[in-house]
Amino acid sequence: MRGVVICIITTAFAQEDTAKAWKVEGFLGLQAAQTALTNWQAGGQNQISAGTQQRLFIARDYFRHSWNLEYTGQYGLLRVVPQKTWRKTQDFLLVVSQYKYALSPRWALSVLADGRTQWTPTYDYVGDSMVRPAKSAFLAPLYGQFSLGLRYRVLEGWQVILSLLSERVTYVRLGYLADAGAFGLKPAERDPNGTIIRPARRTLWEIGGRLTSRLNITPVSGLSVSHFLDVFYSYSAPSQSPIVLSQLQAAYKLKSWLALTLSQQAIYDRRVGRGQQALQLLTSWSVGVTWQAKYPRSK
């Protein structure tokens, strides 16, 4: 009996310490819509769409040490009747991990690592027919970065990190995309008949400088805003730099289970296009069922 009491007391203190050390925030939004027309004279098309937006933030603080992990993702599908195929409207996956050692209340040494890719293959379509092979897919490409630098906390929930030494890797899982020189890779060597003599390397490593900004705030009650900005300048390929990524996600709670969400992405990369094609933009608004949670809960 004494052992049971000691076990219960130990568990209670462990949970209390864990609550103080760990911080967890989660957001999941689900949206669905359907348009059905019958003899509708004004015109239109029958369609079905569905989408999801996710965010998970985990942090742990211990004296001068702190670590956090943030995941942001979204995925959407659309089917326009009478087409039989579902087509993507959005597809994104970003994971950022950061370790900090505090030098002062505002300054800290920072180790930052992140990876960016997509969930499913991307295809072109001719009518209702899918054109294979895929133009991109999961881990094709994968953009990963690792950097050491100084972090400056501008405001509560907003920090800027400067790294003069950062490593970036582009990995393409699919061999035919790598051989074609997609996503900035050096293409395969071929003979005059087009036969591959030496396959392309599926990875491209670069050294450069990096500036990142991370914002996680609640400006007013019910509104949460998360923004990640990443600017990378390659020392080995200055003519193709900079590479800019902006990821914004905002959610406003209309009800405890209903929210208006905004997701916006901007990518500027000369490796995947020239002129206006180097800039990629995606903006989506939606109202849908959401789940939000924080741990520990504020009193």
Protein backbone atom coordinates (compact mmCIF):
# COMPACT_ATOMS: atom_id res chain seq x y z
CA MET A 1 0.00 0.00 0.00
CA ARG A 2 2.84 2.36 0.89
CA GLY A 3 4.44 1.66 -2.50
CA VAL A 4 1.21 2.55 -4.30
CA VAL A 5 0.96 5.89 -2.46
CA ILE A 6 4.59 6.75 -3.26
CA CYS A 7 4.00 5.87 -6.92
CA ILE A 8 0.92 8.13 -7.10
CA ILE A 9 2.76 11.06 -5.46
CA THR A 10 5.77 10.62 -7.78
CA THR A 11 3.52 10.54 -10.85
CA ALA A 12 1.73 13.72 -9.76
CA PHE A 13 5.00 15.63 -9.33
CA ALA A 14 6.31 14.29 -12.65
CA GLN A 15 3.19 15.52 -14.44
CA GLU A 16 3.52 18.95 -12.80
CA ASP A 17 7.17 19.28 -13.83
CA THR A 18 6.35 18.09 -17.35
CA ALA A 19 3.58 20.67 -17.66
CA LYS A 20 6.02 23.42 -16.77
CA ALA A 21 8.76 22.19 -19.10
CA TRP A 22 6.72 21.25 -22.16
CA LYS A 23 4.45 23.34 -24.35
CA VAL A 24 2.25 21.83 -27.05
CA GLU A 25 -0.08 23.63 -29.46
CA GLY A 26 -2.11 22.01 -32.20
CA PHE A 27 -4.43 23.10 -34.98
CA LEU A 28 -6.41 20.96 -37.43
CA GLY A 29 -8.84 22.39 -39.95
CA LEU A 30 -11.13 20.39 -42.23
CA GLN A 31 -13.10 21.84 -45.11
CA ALA A 32 -15.53 20.29 -47.59
CA ALA A 33 -17.83 21.75 -50.25
CA GLN A 34 -20.18 20.51 -52.94
CA THR A 35 -22.03 22.22 -55.80
CA ALA A 36 -24.89 20.26 -57.37
CA LEU A 37 -26.84 21.69 -60.33
CA THR A 38 -29.96 20.41 -62.07
CA ASN A 39 -31.27 22.34 -65.09
CA TRP A 40 -29.63 25.47 -63.70
CA GLN A 41 -30.05 28.10 -66.43
CA ALA A 42 -27.42 30.50 -65.10
CA GLY A 43 -24.70 27.93 -65.74
CA GLY A 44 -22.04 26.40 -63.59
CA GLN A 45 -20.42 23.04 -62.90
CA ASN A 46 -21.02 20.27 -60.41
CA GLN A 47 -18.00 19.89 -58.18
CA ILE A 48 -16.79 18.41 -54.91
CA SER A 49 -13.82 19.68 -52.92
CA ALA A 50 -12.13 18.84 -49.65
CA GLY A 51 -9.07 20.12 -47.84
CA THR A 52 -7.18 20.13 -44.60
CA GLN A 53 -4.72 22.42 -42.85
CA GLN A 54 -2.56 21.32 -39.93
CA ARG A 55 -0.10 22.82 -37.50
CA LEU A 56 1.68 21.25 -34.54
CA PHE A 57 4.10 23.10 -32.25
CA ILE A 58 6.10 21.40 -29.49
CA ALA A 59 8.56 23.24 -27.23
CA ARG A 60 10.63 22.45 -24.17
CA ASP A 61 12.59 24.87 -21.97
CA TYR A 62 15.25 23.96 -19.42
CA PHE A 63 17.22 26.82 -17.84
CA ARG A 64 19.25 28.36 -20.70
CA HIS A 65 18.39 25.54 -23.11
CA SER A 66 15.28 25.39 -25.27
CA TRP A 67 14.10 23.24 -28.16
CA ASN A 68 11.06 23.40 -30.39
CA LEU A 69 9.61 21.48 -33.30
CA GLU A 70 6.99 22.89 -35.66
CA TYR A 71 5.06 21.10 -38.39
CA THR A 72 2.87 22.88 -40.95
CA GLY A 73 0.98 21.11 -43.69
CA GLN A 74 -1.96 21.38 -46.02
CA TYR A 75 -3.64 19.26 -48.63
CA GLY A 76 -6.65 19.77 -50.88
CA LEU A 77 -8.54 17.92 -53.61
CA LEU A 78 -11.11 18.97 -56.23
CA ARG A 79 -13.31 16.96 -58.58
CA VAL A 80 -15.30 18.71 -61.30
CA VAL A 81 -18.14 16.48 -62.52
CA PRO A 82 -18.27 14.70 -65.00
CA GLN A 83 -14.50 14.25 -64.61
CA LYS A 84 -13.59 11.08 -62.77
CA THR A 85 -10.25 12.21 -61.43
CA TRP A 86 -9.54 14.08 -58.22
CA ARG A 87 -6.97 16.84 -58.69
CA LYS A 88 -4.85 18.56 -56.10
CA THR A 89 -5.51 22.16 -55.18
CA GLN A 90 -2.78 22.42 -52.52
CA ASP A 91 -0.01 20.21 -51.18
CA PHE A 92 2.66 21.30 -48.72
CA LEU A 93 4.72 19.91 -45.84
CA LEU A 94 7.20 21.88 -43.74
CA VAL A 95 9.03 20.73 -40.59
CA VAL A 96 11.28 23.11 -38.61
CA SER A 97 13.37 22.15 -35.57
CA GLN A 98 15.37 24.62 -33.50
CA TYR A 99 17.69 24.45 -30.49
CA LYS A 100 18.66 27.62 -28.60
CA TYR A 101 21.15 28.41 -25.86
CA ALA A 102 20.34 31.73 -24.20
CA LEU A 103 23.12 34.30 -23.91
CA SER A 104 20.81 37.05 -22.63
CA PRO A 105 17.06 37.69 -22.49
CA ARG A 106 17.09 38.60 -26.21
CA TRP A 107 20.18 36.93 -27.69
CA ALA A 108 20.85 33.22 -28.09
CA LEU A 109 22.97 30.77 -30.04
CA SER A 110 20.76 28.88 -32.49
CA VAL A 111 20.91 25.58 -34.36
CA LEU A 112 18.18 25.38 -37.00
CA ALA A 113 17.20 22.46 -39.22
CA ASP A 114 14.21 22.12 -41.52
CA GLY A 115 12.81 20.11 -44.40
CA ARG A 116 10.21 20.92 -47.05
CA THR A 117 8.45 18.60 -49.51
CA GLN A 118 4.95 17.51 -50.62
CA TRP A 119 2.63 14.60 -49.84
CA THR A 120 1.57 13.09 -53.19
CA PRO A 121 2.65 13.10 -56.88
CA THR A 122 1.78 15.98 -59.18
CA TYR A 123 0.56 15.27 -62.73
CA ASP A 124 -0.51 17.12 -65.85
CA TYR A 125 -3.95 16.36 -67.28
CA VAL A 126 -5.35 16.20 -70.81
CA GLY A 127 -9.10 16.19 -70.46
CA ASP A 128 -9.82 13.49 -67.90
CA SER A 129 -6.61 11.58 -68.60
CA MET A 130 -3.59 11.74 -66.31
CA VAL A 131 -0.26 12.31 -68.05
CA ARG A 132 2.51 10.21 -66.53
CA PRO A 133 5.18 10.30 -65.21
CA ALA A 134 4.76 12.66 -62.27
CA LYS A 135 6.30 16.13 -62.37
CA SER A 136 7.06 15.98 -58.64
CA ALA A 137 6.29 13.72 -55.69
CA PHE A 138 7.02 13.01 -52.04
CA LEU A 139 10.76 13.65 -51.48
CA ALA A 140 11.03 14.68 -55.12
CA PRO A 141 12.11 17.24 -54.32
CA LEU A 142 13.08 17.50 -50.65
CA TYR A 143 14.68 20.78 -49.59
CA GLY A 144 16.63 20.49 -46.36
CA GLN A 145 18.70 23.08 -44.50
CA PHE A 146 20.98 23.13 -41.50
CA SER A 147 22.43 26.31 -40.05
CA LEU A 148 24.27 27.76 -37.04
CA GLY A 149 23.70 31.36 -36.07
CA LEU A 150 22.52 34.00 -33.64
CA ARG A 151 18.91 34.45 -32.65
CA TYR A 152 17.47 37.83 -31.65
CA ARG A 153 14.07 37.98 -29.98
CA VAL A 154 12.41 41.10 -31.32
CA LEU A 155 9.15 40.68 -29.41
CA GLU A 156 7.43 37.93 -27.48
CA GLY A 157 6.58 35.36 -30.14
CA TRP A 158 8.81 36.90 -32.83
CA GLN A 159 12.43 35.96 -33.39
CA VAL A 160 14.99 36.56 -36.15
CA ILE A 161 17.97 34.28 -36.81
CA LEU A 162 21.05 35.23 -38.82
CA SER A 163 23.47 32.53 -39.97
CA LEU A 164 26.53 33.26 -42.06
CA LEU A 165 27.21 29.53 -42.43
CA SER A 166 24.32 27.41 -43.61
CA GLU A 167 24.13 24.17 -45.56
CA ARG A 168 21.33 23.41 -48.01
CA VAL A 169 20.57 20.16 -49.80
CA THR A 170 18.18 19.43 -52.64
CA TYR A 171 17.27 15.74 -52.89
CA VAL A 172 15.23 14.22 -55.74
CA ARG A 173 14.04 10.69 -55.01
CA LEU A 174 12.89 9.91 -58.58
CA GLY A 175 15.76 9.09 -60.92
CA TYR A 176 14.13 10.30 -64.14
CA LEU A 177 13.61 13.76 -62.66
CA ALA A 178 17.21 13.89 -61.45
CA ASP A 179 18.48 12.75 -64.88
CA ALA A 180 16.47 15.54 -66.51
CA GLY A 181 18.15 18.14 -64.27
CA ALA A 182 14.95 19.07 -62.46
CA PHE A 183 14.96 21.39 -59.44
CA GLY A 184 18.43 22.75 -60.11
CA LEU A 185 20.28 19.40 -60.26
CA LYS A 186 22.98 18.78 -62.85
CA PRO A 187 21.44 16.56 -65.58
CA ALA A 188 22.75 13.13 -66.53
CA GLU A 189 25.48 12.76 -69.12
CA ARG A 190 24.15 11.42 -72.43
CA ASP A 191 25.67 10.33 -75.74
CA PRO A 192 24.62 11.93 -79.07
CA ASN A 193 21.72 9.43 -79.30
CA GLY A 194 20.38 10.50 -75.93
CA THR A 195 21.41 7.34 -74.07
CA ILE A 196 22.46 7.99 -70.48
CA ILE A 197 26.20 7.46 -70.00
CA ARG A 198 26.32 8.53 -66.37
CA PRO A 199 23.17 9.03 -64.26
CA ALA A 200 22.74 12.30 -62.47
CA ARG A 201 23.37 12.70 -58.77
CA ARG A 202 20.15 12.95 -56.86
CA THR A 203 21.49 15.47 -54.37
CA LEU A 204 22.79 19.02 -54.67
CA TRP A 205 24.72 20.47 -51.72
CA GLU A 206 25.24 24.20 -51.24
CA ILE A 207 26.88 26.46 -48.66
CA GLY A 208 25.53 29.92 -48.03
CA GLY A 209 24.12 32.49 -45.63
CA ARG A 210 20.63 32.44 -44.20
CA LEU A 211 18.14 34.79 -42.58
CA THR A 212 14.99 33.41 -40.96
CA SER A 213 12.07 34.96 -39.13
CA ARG A 214 9.53 33.04 -37.05
CA LEU A 215 6.33 34.62 -35.76
CA ASN A 216 3.75 32.95 -33.49
CA ILE A 217 1.33 35.40 -31.93
CA THR A 218 -2.27 35.83 -30.80
CA PRO A 219 -2.93 39.53 -31.54
CA VAL A 220 -6.56 39.39 -30.39
CA SER A 221 -8.67 36.80 -28.64
CA GLY A 222 -9.56 33.95 -30.98
CA LEU A 223 -7.00 34.84 -33.67
CA SER A 224 -3.73 32.90 -33.99
CA VAL A 225 -1.10 33.84 -36.56
CA SER A 226 1.96 31.81 -37.55
CA HIS A 227 4.53 32.97 -40.11
CA PHE A 228 7.84 31.50 -41.24
CA LEU A 229 10.21 33.45 -43.53
CA ASP A 230 13.42 31.94 -44.89
CA VAL A 231 15.96 33.70 -47.14
CA PHE A 232 18.95 31.65 -48.33
CA TYR A 233 21.87 33.05 -50.35
CA SER A 234 24.17 30.47 -51.95
CA TYR A 235 27.89 31.25 -51.99
CA SER A 236 28.45 28.57 -54.66
CA ALA A 237 25.64 29.72 -57.01
CA PRO A 238 25.18 33.47 -56.47
CA SER A 239 23.53 33.94 -59.88
CA GLN A 240 20.61 31.74 -58.76
CA SER A 241 20.18 33.35 -55.35
CA PRO A 242 18.41 34.31 -53.20
CA ILE A 243 15.86 31.58 -52.48
CA VAL A 244 12.89 32.92 -50.49
CA LEU A 245 10.17 30.98 -48.72
CA SER A 246 7.22 32.56 -46.93
CA GLN A 247 4.62 30.46 -45.12
CA LEU A 248 1.65 32.16 -43.41
CA GLN A 249 -1.18 30.48 -41.54
CA ALA A 250 -3.90 32.34 -39.64
CA ALA A 251 -7.02 31.02 -37.95
CA TYR A 252 -9.88 33.00 -36.40
CA LYS A 253 -12.29 31.08 -34.19
CA LEU A 254 -15.91 31.85 -35.03
CA LYS A 255 -17.03 29.16 -32.60
CA SER A 256 -15.13 26.74 -30.41
CA TRP A 257 -15.30 24.22 -33.28
CA LEU A 258 -15.61 26.54 -36.31
CA ALA A 259 -12.90 28.81 -37.71
CA LEU A 260 -12.04 31.00 -40.67
CA THR A 261 -8.55 30.10 -41.88
CA LEU A 262 -6.09 31.73 -44.26
CA SER A 263 -3.09 29.93 -45.70
CA GLN A 264 -0.60 31.64 -47.99
CA GLN A 265 2.67 30.43 -49.46
CA ALA A 266 5.21 32.31 -51.54
CA ILE A 267 8.34 30.70 -53.01
CA TYR A 268 10.94 32.48 -55.10
CA ASP A 269 13.52 30.15 -56.64
CA ARG A 270 15.41 30.74 -59.90
CA ARG A 271 16.33 27.07 -60.02
CA VAL A 272 12.80 26.06 -61.02
CA GLY A 273 12.03 28.91 -63.41
CA ARG A 274 13.06 32.21 -64.90
CA GLY A 275 11.37 35.59 -64.72
CA GLN A 276 7.79 35.35 -63.46
CA GLN A 277 8.03 31.54 -63.32
CA ALA A 278 10.54 31.83 -60.48
CA LEU A 279 7.76 33.12 -58.21
CA GLN A 280 5.17 30.65 -56.91
CA LEU A 281 2.11 31.83 -54.98
CA LEU A 282 -0.72 29.95 -53.28
CA THR A 283 -3.48 31.57 -51.24
CA SER A 284 -6.51 29.79 -49.81
CA TRP A 285 -9.40 30.93 -47.63
CA SER A 286 -11.76 28.50 -45.97
CA VAL A 287 -14.36 28.11 -43.26
CA GLY A 288 -14.44 24.69 -41.69
CA VAL A 289 -14.50 22.47 -38.65
CA THR A 290 -11.36 22.95 -36.57
CA TRP A 291 -9.63 21.56 -33.53
CA GLN A 292 -7.28 23.66 -31.45
CA ALA A 293 -5.47 22.66 -28.27
CA LYS A 294 -2.80 24.01 -25.94
CA TYR A 295 -0.82 22.26 -23.23
CA PRO A 296 -0.45 23.26 -20.50
CA ARG A 297 -3.73 25.13 -20.48
CA SER A 298 -3.60 28.73 -19.32
CA LYS A 299 -5.47 29.42 -16.11
